[in-house]
C-alpha cells in the first residue's frame, strides 16, 4: 500500500476513534454580535396636573385606570386636597369630580377637596400639637394620600398617608413626619385613616430636649413611595428621614436626608403589625418605632461592604426569609 494511502487511512481511523471516545472537540461557534439599538429622546410632553405629592397610578377592580395626587398647604386659607384622575392612561386621564369632590355623608367636614378635618382627626393628628402663635403653620397636622393599592379580594382601596405634624418643634421652620395607612370601602369617595405603620424610633414630642439635647433633631419617617410587588407578595415602601437643625442653628433642612426601606406581606393588607424595617442586614425591626438602616453608606467605605450595608433583596413571604 502506498505511503500516501496509508497516511489517509490512518488519519480516518484516528478521527473515528476520537469521535467514538468523545475527544474530538467541535470548533467553537462564531460568537453572536451584540444587537445594535438606538435610544432617542423626544421633546417633553405637556403635563397639566402638577401637585405637591406626585401622581401614583393604580388599577381598580374593574380594570379602570386611576392616578391620585395630593397637597396639604400650611396657611389657614390654603388648599388641602386628595385629587383623583381617571382615563385610558396618564396622558388622557382627567380629574374625577365624583371622587375629588366627594363628601362623607356622615360628616360634611370630611371631604376629599378639603382634608383639614381628616388630617387633624387622624391617629397622627390626634397626637399632634399646634405651632406657637405667629407661625405660618395654621394646623397641627397636614396629610397627603400617597400610593393606592386595590385589594383583589374585596375591591377596597388602601393607601399610605404622609403626615407632617407638630410644626416648629424646636423653634425651627419644620415639623415631624410619620406614615399612616387609610382605607376606602367605596372606591375613594370616603376614607378612614386607620393607624400608624411607619414611625420614628425617636421622640416626636414638641421641645423634647431629653431626647434631643444638642443642636439637631430627627424628624421621623415620611415621603413614602409604595411599590406593590405581586411576584413576591410584598408591599415595599421607600421612605425618608432627616436630621434637622434646631432654630438658630445653621444648616440646610435637606443636608441630613437619609433613605430607608420597609416591607409588609400583602396578605396583611397594610395592617400596622405587618410592617418590618430593613435594619442591619435584615427585615428585623417593627414599622412602628423600629430602627432603620440607611440604604446608602453615609461615608465612603474603607473595606468591602458588610452585610448590613448591602441593598436588600426581595424574597417570597416566609418567616425565615432574610436576604
C-alpha atoms as a PDB file:
ATOM      1  CA  UNK A   1       0.000   0.000   0.000  1.00  0.00           C
ATOM      2  CA  UNK A   2       1.427   3.365  -0.940  1.00  0.00           C
ATOM      3  CA  UNK A   3       2.570   5.558   1.929  1.00  0.00           C
ATOM      4  CA  UNK A   4       0.111   8.348   0.952  1.00  0.00           C
ATOM      5  CA  UNK A   5      -2.823   5.901   1.109  1.00  0.00           C
ATOM      6  CA  UNK A   6      -1.640   4.517   4.457  1.00  0.00           C
ATOM      7  CA  UNK A   7      -1.482   8.070   5.810  1.00  0.00           C
ATOM      8  CA  UNK A   8      -5.038   8.827   4.681  1.00  0.00           C
ATOM      9  CA  UNK A   9      -6.379   5.608   6.191  1.00  0.00           C
ATOM     10  CA  UNK A  10      -4.512   6.232   9.432  1.00  0.00           C
ATOM     11  CA  UNK A  11      -5.999   9.739   9.610  1.00  0.00           C
ATOM     12  CA  UNK A  12      -9.539   8.442   9.087  1.00  0.00           C
ATOM     13  CA  UNK A  13      -9.080   5.772  11.783  1.00  0.00           C
ATOM     14  CA  UNK A  14      -7.740   8.330  14.263  1.00  0.00           C
ATOM     15  CA  UNK A  15     -10.673  10.672  13.570  1.00  0.00           C
ATOM     16  CA  UNK A  16     -13.200   7.838  14.026  1.00  0.00           C
ATOM     17  CA  UNK A  17     -11.575   6.800  17.286  1.00  0.00           C
ATOM     18  CA  UNK A  18     -11.666  10.374  18.511  1.00  0.00           C
ATOM     19  CA  UNK A  19     -15.391  10.664  17.749  1.00  0.00           C
ATOM     20  CA  UNK A  20     -16.132   7.384  19.493  1.00  0.00           C
ATOM     21  CA  UNK A  21     -14.070   8.331  22.527  1.00  0.00           C
ATOM     22  CA  UNK A  22     -15.514  11.853  22.691  1.00  0.00           C
ATOM     23  CA  UNK A  23     -12.132  13.527  22.454  1.00  0.00           C
ATOM     24  CA  UNK A  24     -12.738  15.349  19.177  1.00  0.00           C
ATOM     25  CA  UNK A  25     -13.977  18.803  20.038  1.00  0.00           C
ATOM     26  CA  UNK A  26     -16.188  20.767  17.712  1.00  0.00           C
ATOM     27  CA  UNK A  27     -14.863  24.059  16.538  1.00  0.00           C
ATOM     28  CA  UNK A  28     -16.206  26.922  18.678  1.00  0.00           C
ATOM     29  CA  UNK A  29     -19.311  28.544  17.221  1.00  0.00           C
ATOM     30  CA  UNK A  30     -18.945  32.052  15.984  1.00  0.00           C
ATOM     31  CA  UNK A  31     -19.749  34.471  18.767  1.00  0.00           C
ATOM     32  CA  UNK A  32     -23.017  36.310  18.223  1.00  0.00           C
ATOM     33  CA  UNK A  33     -22.672  40.020  17.876  1.00  0.00           C
ATOM     34  CA  UNK A  34     -24.344  42.267  20.396  1.00  0.00           C
ATOM     35  CA  UNK A  35     -27.611  43.609  18.990  1.00  0.00           C
ATOM     36  CA  UNK A  36     -27.458  47.183  17.842  1.00  0.00           C
ATOM     37  CA  UNK A  37     -30.048  49.602  19.119  1.00  0.00           C
ATOM     38  CA  UNK A  38     -30.631  53.301  19.403  1.00  0.00           C
ATOM     39  CA  UNK A  39     -32.301  55.277  22.175  1.00  0.00           C
ATOM     40  CA  UNK A  40     -33.913  58.530  21.130  1.00  0.00           C
ATOM     41  CA  UNK A  41     -35.402  61.127  23.448  1.00  0.00           C
ATOM     42  CA  UNK A  42     -38.136  63.323  22.080  1.00  0.00           C
ATOM     43  CA  UNK A  43     -39.481  66.601  23.328  1.00  0.00           C
ATOM     44  CA  UNK A  44     -41.027  66.614  26.791  1.00  0.00           C
ATOM     45  CA  UNK A  45     -44.794  66.442  26.576  1.00  0.00           C
ATOM     46  CA  UNK A  46     -47.150  68.760  28.414  1.00  0.00           C
ATOM     47  CA  UNK A  47     -48.216  67.952  31.967  1.00  0.00           C
ATOM     48  CA  UNK A  48     -51.153  69.916  33.259  1.00  0.00           C
ATOM     49  CA  UNK A  49     -51.667  68.376  36.707  1.00  0.00           C
ATOM     50  CA  UNK A  50     -48.611  69.070  38.872  1.00  0.00           C
ATOM     51  CA  UNK A  51     -49.063  68.626  42.606  1.00  0.00           C
ATOM     52  CA  UNK A  52     -47.092  68.657  45.845  1.00  0.00           C
ATOM     53  CA  UNK A  53     -47.312  64.898  46.315  1.00  0.00           C
ATOM     54  CA  UNK A  54     -46.595  63.221  42.957  1.00  0.00           C
ATOM     55  CA  UNK A  55     -49.065  61.181  40.934  1.00  0.00           C
ATOM     56  CA  UNK A  56     -49.363  57.480  41.827  1.00  0.00           C
ATOM     57  CA  UNK A  57     -51.204  55.140  39.391  1.00  0.00           C
ATOM     58  CA  UNK A  58     -53.328  52.087  40.194  1.00  0.00           C
ATOM     59  CA  UNK A  59     -55.959  49.851  38.574  1.00  0.00           C
ATOM     60  CA  UNK A  60     -59.419  49.391  40.098  1.00  0.00           C
ATOM     61  CA  UNK A  61     -61.158  46.027  40.467  1.00  0.00           C
ATOM     62  CA  UNK A  62     -62.992  46.520  37.134  1.00  0.00           C
ATOM     63  CA  UNK A  63     -59.795  47.409  35.242  1.00  0.00           C
ATOM     64  CA  UNK A  64     -60.293  51.195  35.328  1.00  0.00           C
ATOM     65  CA  UNK A  65     -57.081  53.220  35.345  1.00  0.00           C
ATOM     66  CA  UNK A  66     -56.668  55.858  38.064  1.00  0.00           C
ATOM     67  CA  UNK A  67     -53.979  58.019  39.478  1.00  0.00           C
ATOM     68  CA  UNK A  68     -54.091  60.245  42.523  1.00  0.00           C
ATOM     69  CA  UNK A  69     -52.068  63.141  43.875  1.00  0.00           C
ATOM     70  CA  UNK A  70     -52.369  65.403  46.891  1.00  0.00           C
ATOM     71  CA  UNK A  71     -51.310  68.589  48.607  1.00  0.00           C
ATOM     72  CA  UNK A  72     -51.719  69.939  52.113  1.00  0.00           C
ATOM     73  CA  UNK A  73     -50.530  73.514  52.320  1.00  0.00           C
ATOM     74  CA  UNK A  74     -49.739  75.284  55.558  1.00  0.00           C
ATOM     75  CA  UNK A  75     -51.551  78.644  55.826  1.00  0.00           C
ATOM     76  CA  UNK A  76     -55.064  78.914  57.235  1.00  0.00           C
ATOM     77  CA  UNK A  77     -56.749  79.527  53.885  1.00  0.00           C
ATOM     78  CA  UNK A  78     -54.518  77.285  51.762  1.00  0.00           C
ATOM     79  CA  UNK A  79     -55.779  74.235  49.853  1.00  0.00           C
ATOM     80  CA  UNK A  80     -55.570  70.751  51.278  1.00  0.00           C
ATOM     81  CA  UNK A  81     -56.933  68.051  48.939  1.00  0.00           C
ATOM     82  CA  UNK A  82     -56.685  64.443  47.757  1.00  0.00           C
ATOM     83  CA  UNK A  83     -57.331  64.506  43.995  1.00  0.00           C
ATOM     84  CA  UNK A  84     -58.212  61.581  41.709  1.00  0.00           C
ATOM     85  CA  UNK A  85     -57.908  61.250  37.926  1.00  0.00           C
ATOM     86  CA  UNK A  86     -59.190  58.540  35.599  1.00  0.00           C
ATOM     87  CA  UNK A  87     -58.964  57.724  31.896  1.00  0.00           C
ATOM     88  CA  UNK A  88     -57.228  55.396  29.477  1.00  0.00           C
ATOM     89  CA  UNK A  89     -53.738  56.338  30.685  1.00  0.00           C
ATOM     90  CA  UNK A  90     -51.731  59.189  32.225  1.00  0.00           C
ATOM     91  CA  UNK A  91     -51.969  61.331  29.113  1.00  0.00           C
ATOM     92  CA  UNK A  92     -55.722  61.047  28.720  1.00  0.00           C
ATOM     93  CA  UNK A  93     -56.836  60.912  32.370  1.00  0.00           C
ATOM     94  CA  UNK A  94     -58.903  63.807  33.656  1.00  0.00           C
ATOM     95  CA  UNK A  95     -59.918  64.892  37.128  1.00  0.00           C
ATOM     96  CA  UNK A  96     -62.796  62.862  38.550  1.00  0.00           C
ATOM     97  CA  UNK A  97     -65.133  65.273  40.297  1.00  0.00           C
ATOM     98  CA  UNK A  98     -67.160  62.307  41.583  1.00  0.00           C
ATOM     99  CA  UNK A  99     -64.141  61.300  43.685  1.00  0.00           C
ATOM    100  CA  UNK A 100     -62.158  64.513  44.093  1.00  0.00           C
ATOM    101  CA  UNK A 101     -65.182  66.475  45.365  1.00  0.00           C
ATOM    102  CA  UNK A 102     -66.767  63.636  47.331  1.00  0.00           C
ATOM    103  CA  UNK A 103     -68.056  64.436  50.829  1.00  0.00           C
ATOM    104  CA  UNK A 104     -68.595  61.990  53.669  1.00  0.00           C
ATOM    105  CA  UNK A 105     -72.415  61.836  54.035  1.00  0.00           C
ATOM    106  CA  UNK A 106     -71.980  61.279  57.765  1.00  0.00           C
ATOM    107  CA  UNK A 107     -69.689  64.299  58.262  1.00  0.00           C
ATOM    108  CA  UNK A 108     -69.683  67.306  55.933  1.00  0.00           C
ATOM    109  CA  UNK A 109     -66.271  68.393  57.258  1.00  0.00           C
ATOM    110  CA  UNK A 110     -64.671  65.203  55.945  1.00  0.00           C
ATOM    111  CA  UNK A 111     -64.149  65.772  52.229  1.00  0.00           C
ATOM    112  CA  UNK A 112     -61.578  64.907  49.591  1.00  0.00           C
ATOM    113  CA  UNK A 113     -61.247  68.501  48.400  1.00  0.00           C
ATOM    114  CA  UNK A 114     -60.576  69.776  51.927  1.00  0.00           C
ATOM    115  CA  UNK A 115     -58.730  67.282  54.120  1.00  0.00           C
ATOM    116  CA  UNK A 116     -58.186  69.620  57.082  1.00  0.00           C
ATOM    117  CA  UNK A 117     -60.630  67.814  59.367  1.00  0.00           C
ATOM    118  CA  UNK A 118     -59.483  64.386  58.203  1.00  0.00           C
ATOM    119  CA  UNK A 119     -55.811  65.094  58.883  1.00  0.00           C
ATOM    120  CA  UNK A 120     -56.376  66.661  62.297  1.00  0.00           C
ATOM    121  CA  UNK A 121     -58.608  63.785  63.430  1.00  0.00           C
ATOM    122  CA  UNK A 122     -56.368  61.003  62.175  1.00  0.00           C
ATOM    123  CA  UNK A 123     -54.212  58.888  64.521  1.00  0.00           C
ATOM    124  CA  UNK A 124     -51.274  61.232  63.901  1.00  0.00           C
ATOM    125  CA  UNK A 125     -53.436  64.359  64.036  1.00  0.00           C
ATOM    126  CA  UNK A 126     -54.802  63.451  67.464  1.00  0.00           C
ATOM    127  CA  UNK A 127     -51.237  63.200  68.793  1.00  0.00           C
ATOM    128  CA  UNK A 128     -50.021  66.413  67.141  1.00  0.00           C
ATOM    129  CA  UNK A 129     -49.756  69.842  68.750  1.00  0.00           C
ATOM    130  CA  UNK A 130     -50.173  73.252  67.181  1.00  0.00           C
ATOM    131  CA  UNK A 131     -47.287  75.564  66.361  1.00  0.00           C
ATOM    132  CA  UNK A 132     -46.653  78.583  68.593  1.00  0.00           C
ATOM    133  CA  UNK A 133     -48.554  81.794  67.847  1.00  0.00           C
ATOM    134  CA  UNK A 134     -47.242  83.687  64.872  1.00  0.00           C
ATOM    135  CA  UNK A 135     -46.170  80.577  62.956  1.00  0.00           C
ATOM    136  CA  UNK A 136     -47.110  80.139  59.300  1.00  0.00           C
ATOM    137  CA  UNK A 137     -48.411  76.664  60.193  1.00  0.00           C
ATOM    138  CA  UNK A 138     -52.154  77.006  60.859  1.00  0.00           C
ATOM    139  CA  UNK A 139     -52.875  73.319  61.630  1.00  0.00           C
ATOM    140  CA  UNK A 140     -51.337  70.700  63.919  1.00  0.00           C
ATOM    141  CA  UNK A 141     -51.178  68.098  61.137  1.00  0.00           C
ATOM    142  CA  UNK A 142     -51.088  68.006  57.340  1.00  0.00           C
ATOM    143  CA  UNK A 143     -51.582  64.733  55.472  1.00  0.00           C
ATOM    144  CA  UNK A 144     -51.329  63.521  51.871  1.00  0.00           C
ATOM    145  CA  UNK A 145     -52.511  60.251  50.363  1.00  0.00           C
ATOM    146  CA  UNK A 146     -49.524  58.760  48.553  1.00  0.00           C
ATOM    147  CA  UNK A 147     -49.817  55.373  46.856  1.00  0.00           C
ATOM    148  CA  UNK A 148     -53.023  53.308  46.485  1.00  0.00           C
ATOM    149  CA  UNK A 149     -53.486  49.544  46.282  1.00  0.00           C
ATOM    150  CA  UNK A 150     -56.774  47.842  45.365  1.00  0.00           C
ATOM    151  CA  UNK A 151     -57.472  44.674  47.342  1.00  0.00           C
ATOM    152  CA  UNK A 152     -58.283  41.920  44.804  1.00  0.00           C
ATOM    153  CA  UNK A 153     -60.354  40.064  47.422  1.00  0.00           C
ATOM    154  CA  UNK A 154     -62.739  42.888  48.311  1.00  0.00           C
ATOM    155  CA  UNK A 155     -62.149  45.738  45.845  1.00  0.00           C
ATOM    156  CA  UNK A 156     -61.412  48.068  48.799  1.00  0.00           C
ATOM    157  CA  UNK A 157     -58.826  50.800  48.277  1.00  0.00           C
ATOM    158  CA  UNK A 158     -55.863  51.035  50.655  1.00  0.00           C
ATOM    159  CA  UNK A 159     -53.362  53.875  50.694  1.00  0.00           C
ATOM    160  CA  UNK A 160     -50.356  55.223  52.555  1.00  0.00           C
ATOM    161  CA  UNK A 161     -50.642  58.633  54.207  1.00  0.00           C
ATOM    162  CA  UNK A 162     -47.719  61.016  54.636  1.00  0.00           C
ATOM    163  CA  UNK A 163     -48.119  63.230  57.745  1.00  0.00           C
ATOM    164  CA  UNK A 164     -46.349  66.478  58.662  1.00  0.00           C
ATOM    165  CA  UNK A 165     -47.233  67.238  62.257  1.00  0.00           C
ATOM    166  CA  UNK A 166     -46.323  69.213  65.395  1.00  0.00           C
ATOM    167  CA  UNK A 167     -44.815  72.113  63.417  1.00  0.00           C
ATOM    168  CA  UNK A 168     -41.698  74.008  64.584  1.00  0.00           C
ATOM    169  CA  UNK A 169     -40.944  71.601  67.450  1.00  0.00           C
ATOM    170  CA  UNK A 170     -37.668  73.350  68.321  1.00  0.00           C
ATOM    171  CA  UNK A 171     -38.292  76.898  67.134  1.00  0.00           C
ATOM    172  CA  UNK A 172     -37.309  75.931  63.590  1.00  0.00           C
ATOM    173  CA  UNK A 173     -39.394  76.081  60.424  1.00  0.00           C
ATOM    174  CA  UNK A 174     -40.126  72.371  60.006  1.00  0.00           C
ATOM    175  CA  UNK A 175     -42.083  69.554  61.676  1.00  0.00           C
ATOM    176  CA  UNK A 176     -42.103  65.842  62.443  1.00  0.00           C
ATOM    177  CA  UNK A 177     -43.137  63.190  59.882  1.00  0.00           C
ATOM    178  CA  UNK A 178     -44.952  59.857  60.178  1.00  0.00           C
ATOM    179  CA  UNK A 179     -46.656  57.390  57.820  1.00  0.00           C
ATOM    180  CA  UNK A 180     -50.166  56.015  58.403  1.00  0.00           C
ATOM    181  CA  UNK A 181     -52.475  53.953  56.221  1.00  0.00           C
ATOM    182  CA  UNK A 182     -56.024  54.674  55.088  1.00  0.00           C
ATOM    183  CA  UNK A 183     -58.935  52.561  53.849  1.00  0.00           C
ATOM    184  CA  UNK A 184     -61.820  53.342  51.485  1.00  0.00           C
ATOM    185  CA  UNK A 185     -64.675  50.872  51.102  1.00  0.00           C
ATOM    186  CA  UNK A 186     -66.438  52.859  48.376  1.00  0.00           C
ATOM    187  CA  UNK A 187     -63.729  53.318  45.707  1.00  0.00           C
ATOM    188  CA  UNK A 188     -62.228  56.509  47.096  1.00  0.00           C
ATOM    189  CA  UNK A 189     -65.328  58.551  47.924  1.00  0.00           C
ATOM    190  CA  UNK A 190     -64.697  58.469  51.665  1.00  0.00           C
ATOM    191  CA  UNK A 191     -61.577  57.494  53.582  1.00  0.00           C
ATOM    192  CA  UNK A 192     -60.774  56.408  57.118  1.00  0.00           C
ATOM    193  CA  UNK A 193     -57.172  56.804  58.284  1.00  0.00           C
ATOM    194  CA  UNK A 194     -56.675  53.636  60.279  1.00  0.00           C
ATOM    195  CA  UNK A 195     -53.357  53.560  62.093  1.00  0.00           C
ATOM    196  CA  UNK A 196     -49.648  54.305  62.102  1.00  0.00           C
ATOM    197  CA  UNK A 197     -47.489  51.961  60.014  1.00  0.00           C
ATOM    198  CA  UNK A 198     -44.001  53.566  59.880  1.00  0.00           C
ATOM    199  CA  UNK A 199     -42.884  55.912  62.640  1.00  0.00           C
ATOM    200  CA  UNK A 200     -39.706  57.338  64.107  1.00  0.00           C
ATOM    201  CA  UNK A 201     -37.533  55.348  66.507  1.00  0.00           C
ATOM    202  CA  UNK A 202     -37.147  58.619  68.429  1.00  0.00           C
ATOM    203  CA  UNK A 203     -39.384  61.075  70.213  1.00  0.00           C
ATOM    204  CA  UNK A 204     -41.839  63.225  68.269  1.00  0.00           C
ATOM    205  CA  UNK A 205     -42.833  65.389  71.237  1.00  0.00           C
ATOM    206  CA  UNK A 206     -42.563  69.153  70.982  1.00  0.00           C
ATOM    207  CA  UNK A 207     -39.372  70.544  72.524  1.00  0.00           C
ATOM    208  CA  UNK A 208     -38.162  67.173  73.878  1.00  0.00           C
ATOM    209  CA  UNK A 209     -34.648  68.194  74.865  1.00  0.00           C
ATOM    210  CA  UNK A 210     -34.129  64.974  76.805  1.00  0.00           C
ATOM    211  CA  UNK A 211     -34.381  63.033  73.517  1.00  0.00           C
ATOM    212  CA  UNK A 212     -32.520  65.712  71.521  1.00  0.00           C
ATOM    213  CA  UNK A 213     -30.176  67.587  73.874  1.00  0.00           C
ATOM    214  CA  UNK A 214     -27.912  69.074  71.190  1.00  0.00           C
ATOM    215  CA  UNK A 215     -28.280  71.153  68.018  1.00  0.00           C
ATOM    216  CA  UNK A 216     -30.378  68.822  65.846  1.00  0.00           C
ATOM    217  CA  UNK A 217     -33.376  66.503  65.979  1.00  0.00           C
ATOM    218  CA  UNK A 218     -34.712  63.580  63.901  1.00  0.00           C
ATOM    219  CA  UNK A 219     -37.911  64.479  62.088  1.00  0.00           C
ATOM    220  CA  UNK A 220     -39.170  60.907  61.658  1.00  0.00           C
ATOM    221  CA  UNK A 221     -40.412  58.815  58.726  1.00  0.00           C
ATOM    222  CA  UNK A 222     -42.052  60.395  55.689  1.00  0.00           C
ATOM    223  CA  UNK A 223     -42.301  60.884  51.921  1.00  0.00           C
ATOM    224  CA  UNK A 224     -43.194  57.229  51.186  1.00  0.00           C
ATOM    225  CA  UNK A 225     -43.126  55.662  47.735  1.00  0.00           C
ATOM    226  CA  UNK A 226     -45.186  52.468  47.511  1.00  0.00           C
ATOM    227  CA  UNK A 227     -44.123  49.545  45.307  1.00  0.00           C
ATOM    228  CA  UNK A 228     -46.567  46.612  45.087  1.00  0.00           C
ATOM    229  CA  UNK A 229     -44.535  43.508  44.230  1.00  0.00           C
ATOM    230  CA  UNK A 230     -47.087  40.845  43.350  1.00  0.00           C
ATOM    231  CA  UNK A 231     -44.311  38.410  42.374  1.00  0.00           C
ATOM    232  CA  UNK A 232     -43.004  38.194  45.944  1.00  0.00           C
ATOM    233  CA  UNK A 233     -46.277  39.014  47.693  1.00  0.00           C
ATOM    234  CA  UNK A 234     -44.900  42.067  49.479  1.00  0.00           C
ATOM    235  CA  UNK A 235     -45.503  45.788  49.688  1.00  0.00           C
ATOM    236  CA  UNK A 236     -42.225  47.697  49.631  1.00  0.00           C
ATOM    237  CA  UNK A 237     -42.099  51.282  50.857  1.00  0.00           C
ATOM    238  CA  UNK A 238     -39.123  53.538  50.246  1.00  0.00           C
ATOM    239  CA  UNK A 239     -39.168  56.462  52.650  1.00  0.00           C
ATOM    240  CA  UNK A 240     -37.081  59.255  54.064  1.00  0.00           C
ATOM    241  CA  UNK A 241     -35.792  60.589  57.355  1.00  0.00           C
ATOM    242  CA  UNK A 242     -33.874  63.774  58.087  1.00  0.00           C
ATOM    243  CA  UNK A 243     -31.690  65.290  60.751  1.00  0.00           C
ATOM    244  CA  UNK A 244     -32.934  68.866  61.196  1.00  0.00           C
ATOM    245  CA  UNK A 245     -31.073  71.818  62.745  1.00  0.00           C
ATOM    246  CA  UNK A 246     -32.967  73.387  65.630  1.00  0.00           C
ATOM    247  CA  UNK A 247     -33.984  77.020  65.486  1.00  0.00           C
ATOM    248  CA  UNK A 248     -30.961  79.318  65.317  1.00  0.00           C
ATOM    249  CA  UNK A 249     -28.595  76.508  64.261  1.00  0.00           C
ATOM    250  CA  UNK A 250     -27.003  76.769  60.816  1.00  0.00           C
ATOM    251  CA  UNK A 251     -27.520  74.059  58.227  1.00  0.00           C
ATOM    252  CA  UNK A 252     -29.921  73.116  55.451  1.00  0.00           C
ATOM    253  CA  UNK A 253     -33.045  71.092  56.091  1.00  0.00           C
ATOM    254  CA  UNK A 254     -32.144  68.619  53.316  1.00  0.00           C
ATOM    255  CA  UNK A 255     -28.493  68.189  54.329  1.00  0.00           C
ATOM    256  CA  UNK A 256     -29.260  65.293  56.649  1.00  0.00           C
ATOM    257  CA  UNK A 257     -31.653  63.329  54.419  1.00  0.00           C
ATOM    258  CA  UNK A 258     -31.467  59.520  54.597  1.00  0.00           C
ATOM    259  CA  UNK A 259     -33.270  56.881  52.505  1.00  0.00           C
ATOM    260  CA  UNK A 260     -34.771  53.734  54.058  1.00  0.00           C
ATOM    261  CA  UNK A 261     -36.999  50.819  53.074  1.00  0.00           C
ATOM    262  CA  UNK A 262     -39.648  48.705  54.795  1.00  0.00           C
ATOM    263  CA  UNK A 263     -41.943  45.946  53.634  1.00  0.00           C
ATOM    264  CA  UNK A 264     -45.093  44.060  54.608  1.00  0.00           C
ATOM    265  CA  UNK A 265     -46.797  40.932  53.233  1.00  0.00           C
ATOM    266  CA  UNK A 266     -49.712  41.862  51.014  1.00  0.00           C
ATOM    267  CA  UNK A 267     -51.853  39.341  52.894  1.00  0.00           C
ATOM    268  CA  UNK A 268     -51.653  41.667  55.905  1.00  0.00           C
ATOM    269  CA  UNK A 269     -53.444  44.436  53.937  1.00  0.00           C
ATOM    270  CA  UNK A 270     -51.133  47.155  55.314  1.00  0.00           C
ATOM    271  CA  UNK A 271     -52.008  46.435  58.966  1.00  0.00           C
ATOM    272  CA  UNK A 272     -49.577  48.127  61.370  1.00  0.00           C
ATOM    273  CA  UNK A 273     -48.096  44.940  62.844  1.00  0.00           C
ATOM    274  CA  UNK A 274     -47.234  43.551  59.406  1.00  0.00           C
ATOM    275  CA  UNK A 275     -44.509  46.089  58.540  1.00  0.00           C
ATOM    276  CA  UNK A 276     -40.799  45.423  59.045  1.00  0.00           C
ATOM    277  CA  UNK A 277     -37.978  47.906  58.529  1.00  0.00           C
ATOM    278  CA  UNK A 278     -34.677  46.985  56.904  1.00  0.00           C
ATOM    279  CA  UNK A 279     -32.065  47.216  59.656  1.00  0.00           C
ATOM    280  CA  UNK A 280     -28.529  45.832  59.984  1.00  0.00           C
ATOM    281  CA  UNK A 281     -28.851  43.405  57.099  1.00  0.00           C
ATOM    282  CA  UNK A 282     -32.365  42.020  57.534  1.00  0.00           C
ATOM    283  CA  UNK A 283     -36.039  42.918  57.907  1.00  0.00           C
ATOM    284  CA  UNK A 284     -35.603  42.867  61.651  1.00  0.00           C
ATOM    285  CA  UNK A 285     -37.298  45.981  63.074  1.00  0.00           C
ATOM    286  CA  UNK A 286     -41.002  46.784  63.532  1.00  0.00           C
ATOM    287  CA  UNK A 287     -42.543  49.502  61.416  1.00  0.00           C
ATOM    288  CA  UNK A 288     -43.773  51.432  64.427  1.00  0.00           C
ATOM    289  CA  UNK A 289     -40.829  52.839  66.358  1.00  0.00           C
ATOM    290  CA  UNK A 290     -38.258  50.459  64.875  1.00  0.00           C
ATOM    291  CA  UNK A 291     -34.691  51.322  63.954  1.00  0.00           C
ATOM    292  CA  UNK A 292     -33.736  51.625  60.268  1.00  0.00           C
ATOM    293  CA  UNK A 293     -30.546  51.355  58.228  1.00  0.00           C
ATOM    294  CA  UNK A 294     -29.567  53.800  55.520  1.00  0.00           C
ATOM    295  CA  UNK A 295     -29.882  52.379  52.020  1.00  0.00           C
ATOM    296  CA  UNK A 296     -26.593  54.018  51.060  1.00  0.00           C
ATOM    297  CA  UNK A 297     -23.474  54.376  53.217  1.00  0.00           C
ATOM    298  CA  UNK A 298     -23.082  57.843  54.689  1.00  0.00           C
ATOM    299  CA  UNK A 299     -19.275  57.759  54.398  1.00  0.00           C
ATOM    300  CA  UNK A 300     -17.010  56.149  51.753  1.00  0.00           C
ATOM    301  CA  UNK A 301     -16.284  52.515  52.690  1.00  0.00           C
ATOM    302  CA  UNK A 302     -12.706  51.649  53.635  1.00  0.00           C
ATOM    303  CA  UNK A 303     -13.246  47.904  53.105  1.00  0.00           C
ATOM    304  CA  UNK A 304     -15.677  45.530  51.429  1.00  0.00           C
ATOM    305  CA  UNK A 305     -19.308  46.380  52.326  1.00  0.00           C
ATOM    306  CA  UNK A 306     -20.667  44.473  55.286  1.00  0.00           C
ATOM    307  CA  UNK A 307     -23.953  42.594  55.117  1.00  0.00           C
ATOM    308  CA  UNK A 308     -25.727  45.481  56.843  1.00  0.00           C
ATOM    309  CA  UNK A 309     -24.822  47.922  54.075  1.00  0.00           C
ATOM    310  CA  UNK A 310     -25.882  45.774  51.132  1.00  0.00           C
ATOM    311  CA  UNK A 311     -29.006  46.672  49.208  1.00  0.00           C
ATOM    312  CA  UNK A 312     -31.906  44.474  50.419  1.00  0.00           C
ATOM    313  CA  UNK A 313     -33.167  41.809  48.045  1.00  0.00           C
ATOM    314  CA  UNK A 314     -36.844  40.763  47.802  1.00  0.00           C
ATOM    315  CA  UNK A 315     -37.818  37.230  48.696  1.00  0.00           C
ATOM    316  CA  UNK A 316     -41.108  35.330  48.933  1.00  0.00           C
ATOM    317  CA  UNK A 317     -43.246  35.679  52.086  1.00  0.00           C
ATOM    318  CA  UNK A 318     -41.767  33.390  54.713  1.00  0.00           C
ATOM    319  CA  UNK A 319     -40.987  33.653  58.441  1.00  0.00           C
ATOM    320  CA  UNK A 320     -37.446  32.502  57.660  1.00  0.00           C
ATOM    321  CA  UNK A 321     -36.834  34.769  54.683  1.00  0.00           C
ATOM    322  CA  UNK A 322     -33.862  37.009  55.466  1.00  0.00           C
ATOM    323  CA  UNK A 323     -31.850  38.092  52.420  1.00  0.00           C
END
